[in-house]
Protein backbone atom coordinates (compact mmCIF):
# COMPACT_ATOMS: atom_id res chain seq x y z
CA MET A 1 62.52 66.35 116.08
CA LYS A 2 60.52 68.04 118.84
CA ARG A 3 62.90 68.84 121.71
CA ILE A 4 66.55 69.90 121.84
CA ALA A 5 68.88 70.94 124.63
CA VAL A 6 71.81 73.33 124.87
CA LEU A 7 74.66 73.74 127.34
CA THR A 8 77.83 75.77 127.79
CA SER A 9 80.89 73.94 129.07
CA GLY A 10 84.51 74.53 130.03
CA GLY A 11 85.97 78.03 130.21
CA ASP A 12 83.48 80.83 129.69
CA CYS A 13 83.90 83.52 127.05
CA SER A 14 82.07 86.58 125.81
CA GLY A 15 79.58 85.72 123.10
CA MET A 16 78.18 82.61 124.77
CA ASN A 17 75.00 84.42 125.76
CA ALA A 18 74.53 85.68 122.20
CA THR A 19 74.86 82.09 121.01
CA LEU A 20 72.40 80.79 123.59
CA ARG A 21 69.92 83.46 122.56
CA ALA A 22 70.22 82.40 118.92
CA VAL A 23 69.84 78.70 119.74
CA VAL A 24 66.72 79.29 121.82
CA ARG A 25 65.02 81.70 119.45
CA ALA A 26 65.93 79.78 116.28
CA GLY A 27 64.73 76.58 117.92
CA LEU A 28 61.43 78.06 119.05
CA ALA A 29 60.90 79.67 115.63
CA SER A 30 61.33 76.20 114.10
CA GLY A 31 58.66 74.72 116.35
CA LEU A 32 61.04 72.99 118.77
CA GLU A 33 61.05 72.91 122.55
CA VAL A 34 64.42 74.06 123.86
CA ILE A 35 65.86 72.92 127.19
CA GLY A 36 68.69 74.85 128.85
CA ILE A 37 71.13 72.67 130.81
CA GLN A 38 72.68 74.51 133.74
CA LYS A 39 76.36 74.19 134.77
CA GLY A 40 77.51 72.33 131.66
CA PHE A 41 77.90 68.56 131.67
CA GLN A 42 77.55 68.57 135.45
CA GLY A 43 73.99 69.71 134.88
CA LEU A 44 73.38 66.64 132.74
CA ILE A 45 74.60 64.42 135.56
CA ASP A 46 72.57 66.25 138.22
CA ARG A 47 69.52 66.93 135.99
CA LEU A 48 69.75 70.71 136.32
CA TYR A 49 67.65 72.03 133.47
CA GLU A 50 64.81 74.36 132.59
CA PRO A 51 62.58 74.94 129.54
CA MET A 52 63.63 78.02 127.58
CA THR A 53 61.29 80.74 126.30
CA THR A 54 62.02 83.90 124.37
CA ARG A 55 61.95 85.77 127.70
CA SER A 56 64.58 83.39 129.10
CA VAL A 57 67.11 84.90 126.71
CA SER A 58 65.97 88.52 126.76
CA ASN A 59 68.47 91.23 127.70
CA ILE A 60 71.52 88.93 127.73
CA LEU A 61 73.31 89.90 124.49
CA GLN A 62 75.45 92.56 126.13
CA HIS A 63 76.68 90.39 128.99
CA GLY A 64 79.86 88.32 129.02
CA GLY A 65 80.06 84.81 130.43
CA THR A 66 77.09 82.45 130.23
CA PHE A 67 73.77 82.80 132.03
CA LEU A 68 73.46 78.98 132.07
CA GLN A 69 76.84 78.87 133.85
CA SER A 70 79.59 76.34 133.33
CA ALA A 71 81.46 73.81 135.48
CA ARG A 72 84.10 71.12 135.25
CA CYS A 73 82.69 67.60 135.38
CA LYS A 74 84.96 64.70 136.35
CA GLU A 75 82.11 62.21 136.01
CA MET A 76 82.00 62.75 132.25
CA ARG A 77 85.44 61.15 132.03
CA THR A 78 84.00 57.85 133.28
CA GLU A 79 81.83 55.33 131.48
CA ALA A 80 79.26 55.47 134.27
CA GLY A 81 79.03 59.26 134.15
CA LEU A 82 78.78 59.34 130.37
CA HIS A 83 76.04 56.72 130.43
CA LEU A 84 74.11 58.62 133.11
CA ALA A 85 74.35 61.91 131.19
CA SER A 86 73.10 60.27 128.00
CA GLU A 87 70.26 58.46 129.76
CA ASN A 88 69.21 61.68 131.48
CA LEU A 89 69.00 63.41 128.11
CA LYS A 90 66.88 60.61 126.72
CA GLY A 91 64.72 60.66 129.85
CA MET A 92 64.03 64.36 129.24
CA GLY A 93 62.88 63.52 125.74
CA VAL A 94 65.80 65.40 124.21
CA GLU A 95 66.44 64.40 120.60
CA GLY A 96 69.44 66.61 119.96
CA LEU A 97 72.08 68.46 122.00
CA ILE A 98 74.08 71.60 121.23
CA VAL A 99 77.40 71.89 123.11
CA ILE A 100 79.11 75.29 123.26
CA GLY A 101 82.72 75.05 124.44
CA GLY A 102 86.35 74.27 123.78
CA GLU A 103 88.39 71.16 123.11
CA GLY A 104 87.33 69.17 126.19
CA SER A 105 83.69 70.16 125.81
CA LEU A 106 83.64 69.07 122.18
CA LYS A 107 85.15 65.72 123.18
CA GLY A 108 82.36 65.35 125.74
CA GLY A 109 79.81 66.15 123.05
CA TYR A 110 81.33 63.58 120.72
CA ALA A 111 81.18 60.95 123.47
CA ILE A 112 77.45 61.64 123.94
CA GLN A 113 76.96 61.44 120.18
CA GLN A 114 78.40 57.94 120.34
CA GLN A 115 75.76 57.09 122.97
CA GLY A 116 73.04 57.73 120.41
CA VAL A 117 72.09 61.36 121.03
CA PRO A 118 72.74 63.67 118.03
CA VAL A 119 75.17 66.45 118.98
CA ILE A 120 76.24 69.66 117.26
CA GLY A 121 79.32 71.41 118.62
CA ILE A 122 79.95 75.16 118.65
CA PRO A 123 83.62 76.22 119.09
CA ALA A 124 84.15 78.62 121.99
CA SER A 125 87.72 79.30 123.10
CA ILE A 126 89.51 82.63 123.45
CA ASP A 127 92.80 80.91 122.53
CA ASN A 128 91.50 80.35 118.97
CA ASP A 129 92.98 76.86 119.20
CA ILE A 130 90.08 74.78 117.84
CA PRO A 131 90.84 73.35 114.38
CA PHE A 132 88.77 73.75 111.20
CA THR A 133 87.29 77.13 112.13
CA ASP A 134 88.95 80.47 111.38
CA TYR A 135 87.56 81.94 114.59
CA SER A 136 86.15 80.51 117.77
CA LEU A 137 83.60 82.32 119.88
CA GLY A 138 85.12 84.85 122.29
CA VAL A 139 88.42 85.42 120.47
CA ASP A 140 87.60 88.87 119.14
CA THR A 141 86.37 90.21 122.48
CA ALA A 142 89.46 88.82 124.24
CA LEU A 143 91.69 90.57 121.71
CA ASN A 144 89.87 93.85 122.24
CA ASN A 145 90.30 93.46 126.01
CA ILE A 146 94.04 92.90 125.55
CA ILE A 147 94.40 95.87 123.21
CA HIS A 148 92.63 98.14 125.68
CA ALA A 149 95.03 97.07 128.44
CA VAL A 150 98.14 97.43 126.28
CA ASP A 151 97.11 100.85 124.99
CA ASN A 152 96.88 102.00 128.60
CA LEU A 153 100.23 100.44 129.45
CA LYS A 154 101.94 102.18 126.55
CA ASP A 155 101.01 105.52 128.09
CA THR A 156 102.74 104.76 131.37
CA ALA A 157 105.63 102.95 129.67
CA SER A 158 106.45 106.07 127.68
CA SER A 159 106.10 108.27 130.76
CA HIS A 160 108.62 106.29 132.82
CA ASP A 161 110.98 104.65 130.28
CA ARG A 162 109.86 101.15 131.19
CA THR A 163 109.62 97.77 129.56
CA PHE A 164 106.35 95.95 130.20
CA VAL A 165 106.11 92.18 129.80
CA VAL A 166 102.45 91.31 129.24
CA GLU A 167 101.33 87.70 129.60
CA THR A 168 98.27 86.55 127.67
CA MET A 169 96.43 83.26 127.77
CA GLY A 170 97.47 80.58 125.30
CA ARG A 171 99.16 77.45 126.65
CA SER A 172 99.57 75.77 123.29
CA CYS A 173 98.44 78.46 120.87
CA GLY A 174 100.01 81.92 120.66
CA TYR A 175 97.27 83.56 118.61
CA LEU A 176 96.26 86.10 121.25
CA ALA A 177 99.84 87.19 121.91
CA VAL A 178 100.91 87.61 118.30
CA ALA A 179 97.65 89.13 117.04
CA SER A 180 97.48 91.63 119.90
CA ALA A 181 101.15 92.51 119.46
CA ILE A 182 100.59 93.37 115.81
CA ALA A 183 97.39 95.29 116.53
CA SER A 184 98.80 97.26 119.48
CA GLY A 185 102.24 98.02 118.06
CA ALA A 186 104.08 96.08 120.75
CA GLU A 187 107.77 95.52 120.15
CA TYR A 188 107.91 91.72 120.54
CA SER A 189 105.61 88.69 120.71
CA LEU A 190 106.77 85.40 122.23
CA ILE A 191 104.62 82.40 121.34
CA PRO A 192 104.95 78.62 121.84
CA GLU A 193 104.91 77.93 118.09
CA GLU A 194 108.06 79.96 117.37
CA PRO A 195 111.50 79.77 119.03
CA TYR A 196 112.90 83.00 120.43
CA ASP A 197 116.34 84.14 121.58
CA LEU A 198 116.17 86.20 124.77
CA ASP A 199 119.82 87.21 124.40
CA GLN A 200 119.04 88.71 121.00
CA ILE A 201 115.96 90.46 122.38
CA CYS A 202 118.10 92.03 125.11
CA LYS A 203 120.62 93.20 122.52
CA ASP A 204 117.80 94.71 120.47
CA LEU A 205 116.36 96.44 123.54
CA ARG A 206 119.76 97.93 124.37
CA LYS A 207 120.12 99.17 120.79
CA ARG A 208 116.64 100.69 120.90
CA PHE A 209 117.58 102.49 124.10
CA GLN A 210 120.70 103.91 122.48
CA GLU A 211 118.54 105.17 119.62
CA GLY A 212 116.28 106.98 122.07
CA ARG A 213 113.44 104.46 122.13
CA THR A 214 113.39 103.92 125.87
CA ASN A 215 110.16 101.99 126.41
CA SER A 216 108.78 98.77 125.01
CA ILE A 217 106.00 96.21 125.28
CA ILE A 218 106.71 92.47 125.08
CA MET A 219 103.69 90.20 124.60
CA VAL A 220 104.13 86.65 125.95
CA ALA A 221 101.73 83.75 125.49
CA GLU A 222 101.64 81.75 128.72
CA GLY A 223 102.82 78.65 126.85
CA ALA A 224 105.98 80.44 125.70
CA GLY A 225 107.23 81.23 129.20
CA LYS A 226 106.32 82.97 132.42
CA ALA A 227 106.27 86.75 132.21
CA GLU A 228 107.92 87.06 135.64
CA ASP A 229 110.88 84.91 134.55
CA ILE A 230 111.32 86.77 131.27
CA ALA A 231 111.12 90.18 132.94
CA SER A 232 113.64 89.14 135.58
CA GLN A 233 116.11 87.96 132.94
CA ILE A 234 115.77 91.21 130.98
CA LYS A 235 116.36 93.29 134.10
CA ASN A 236 119.37 91.19 135.15
CA ARG A 237 121.00 91.29 131.72
CA ILE A 238 120.55 94.91 130.73
CA GLY A 239 119.31 96.67 133.87
CA PHE A 240 116.09 98.04 132.39
CA GLU A 241 113.26 98.86 134.75
CA THR A 242 110.78 96.13 133.92
CA ARG A 243 107.19 95.58 134.95
CA VAL A 244 104.97 92.52 134.56
CA ILE A 245 101.26 92.38 133.76
CA VAL A 246 99.50 88.99 133.77
CA LEU A 247 96.12 89.62 132.16
CA GLY A 248 94.66 86.27 133.19
CA HIS A 249 90.88 85.98 133.33
CA TYR A 250 90.44 89.67 132.53
CA GLN A 251 90.68 88.54 128.91
CA ARG A 252 87.59 86.32 129.18
CA GLY A 253 85.03 88.82 130.41
CA GLY A 254 83.29 91.97 129.35
CA SER A 255 80.57 92.90 126.92
CA PRO A 256 81.06 90.94 123.69
CA SER A 257 82.21 92.73 120.57
CA VAL A 258 79.91 93.13 117.57
CA PHE A 259 81.90 90.41 115.80
CA ASP A 260 81.31 87.91 118.63
CA ARG A 261 77.62 88.80 118.87
CA LEU A 262 77.17 88.20 115.14
CA LEU A 263 79.32 85.06 115.22
CA GLY A 264 77.33 83.70 118.14
CA ALA A 265 74.07 84.39 116.32
CA ARG A 266 75.33 82.63 113.19
CA PHE A 267 76.75 79.67 115.12
CA GLY A 268 73.53 79.22 117.11
CA GLN A 269 71.21 79.40 114.12
CA ALA A 270 73.41 77.03 112.08
CA ALA A 271 73.55 74.51 114.93
CA VAL A 272 69.75 74.38 115.23
CA GLU A 273 69.29 74.16 111.48
CA ASN A 274 71.73 71.26 111.19
CA LEU A 275 70.20 69.33 114.07
CA ILE A 276 66.87 69.55 112.30
CA LYS A 277 68.48 68.37 109.07
CA GLY A 278 69.92 65.33 110.85
CA ASN A 279 73.55 66.46 110.70
CA GLY A 280 74.47 65.42 114.24
CA GLY A 281 78.04 64.49 115.09
CA THR A 282 79.45 67.71 113.63
CA MET A 283 80.82 71.10 114.65
CA VAL A 284 79.75 74.33 112.98
CA CYS A 285 82.76 76.24 111.63
CA LEU A 286 83.48 79.66 110.19
CA GLN A 287 85.65 79.29 107.10
CA GLY A 288 86.12 82.60 105.35
CA SER A 289 82.65 84.12 105.47
CA ILE A 290 80.83 80.79 105.16
CA MET A 291 79.37 78.51 107.83
CA THR A 292 80.46 74.92 107.25
CA LEU A 293 80.39 71.60 109.14
CA THR A 294 83.24 69.33 110.24
CA ASP A 295 82.78 65.89 111.82
CA LEU A 296 83.30 65.95 115.58
CA ALA A 297 85.42 62.82 115.22
CA THR A 298 87.78 64.76 112.97
CA VAL A 299 87.79 67.85 115.18
CA THR A 300 88.49 65.98 118.42
CA SER A 301 91.34 63.93 116.93
CA ALA A 302 93.07 66.79 115.09
CA GLY A 303 94.82 68.41 118.04
CA ILE A 304 95.54 72.12 118.40
CA ARG A 305 94.72 74.44 115.51
CA PRO A 306 98.03 75.50 113.91
CA ILE A 307 98.71 79.21 113.88
CA ASN A 308 98.62 80.92 110.51
CA PRO A 309 102.34 81.31 109.59
CA MET A 310 101.52 84.71 108.14
CA LEU A 311 101.06 86.13 111.65
CA PRO A 312 104.55 85.42 113.09
CA LYS A 313 106.06 86.53 109.78
CA LEU A 314 104.13 89.80 109.88
CA ALA A 315 105.04 90.27 113.54
CA ASN A 316 108.75 89.82 112.80
CA GLN A 317 108.56 92.46 110.06
CA LEU A 318 106.54 95.03 112.01
CA LEU A 319 107.43 94.69 115.66
CA ALA A 320 111.22 94.98 115.85
């Protein structure tokens, strides 16, 4: 193997640049040429690429997002687009591709693998919803962003006797909401994996108020309900002054945490190493403290990563 390529696809997250740096430098150290594909799979279609050097990835560790940029690519959902992307890779002399991204990106990588180009996937999703890995890239930084916001909110909540309903990302996976609730000392976490009773929550809030605890934080994963609707129902039922914070894309950005920088470095190095070994068609995973491999076919057919049942149980014990 002489030449590999790397791209970032789908939603961005902090730690992608650290991963790109590791891929480029590990590849060059192994005697490979490394090609950076710009704007994700769209860059494969449009042939947007550049050779990478050590200087290409200098001074990027501390930055969020991805310096190669990312984009949605409808053409990759068609046979013609997939064929063109694969042929473009082969035309560049690329013998292996590293795809950094979430569920859709990994499916795109698997499709290219089936076209005859070896692919290694790297899981990157702040929702922590990719199966077979304990953590995906960007999760830790997103959690730290949420905690910073909630810590600030708790100050004003206590000053004005308010309930804040804070909406996190997580359409199908409530990891961010429940983990940040436990870590910040929020009173409730509402996630799509667990049913919740808003009537009971209102009764609990009223009881807390009677006990002198006149402010609260309710974390809501976007897949469990809209923060605006939940806040409105709380205000209508018990009359509490309620405010809504939708964190949105704030969670994605910012300088990556030490954990995400180290994870990105480990993911990138492992991806290069396994391409060289001929282990294409896999995703690198963190299981415990060990880097492992799982077949992309298995990853892309497994669905959403189930939440660890320990987390909702712990939340129920600590947050009420």
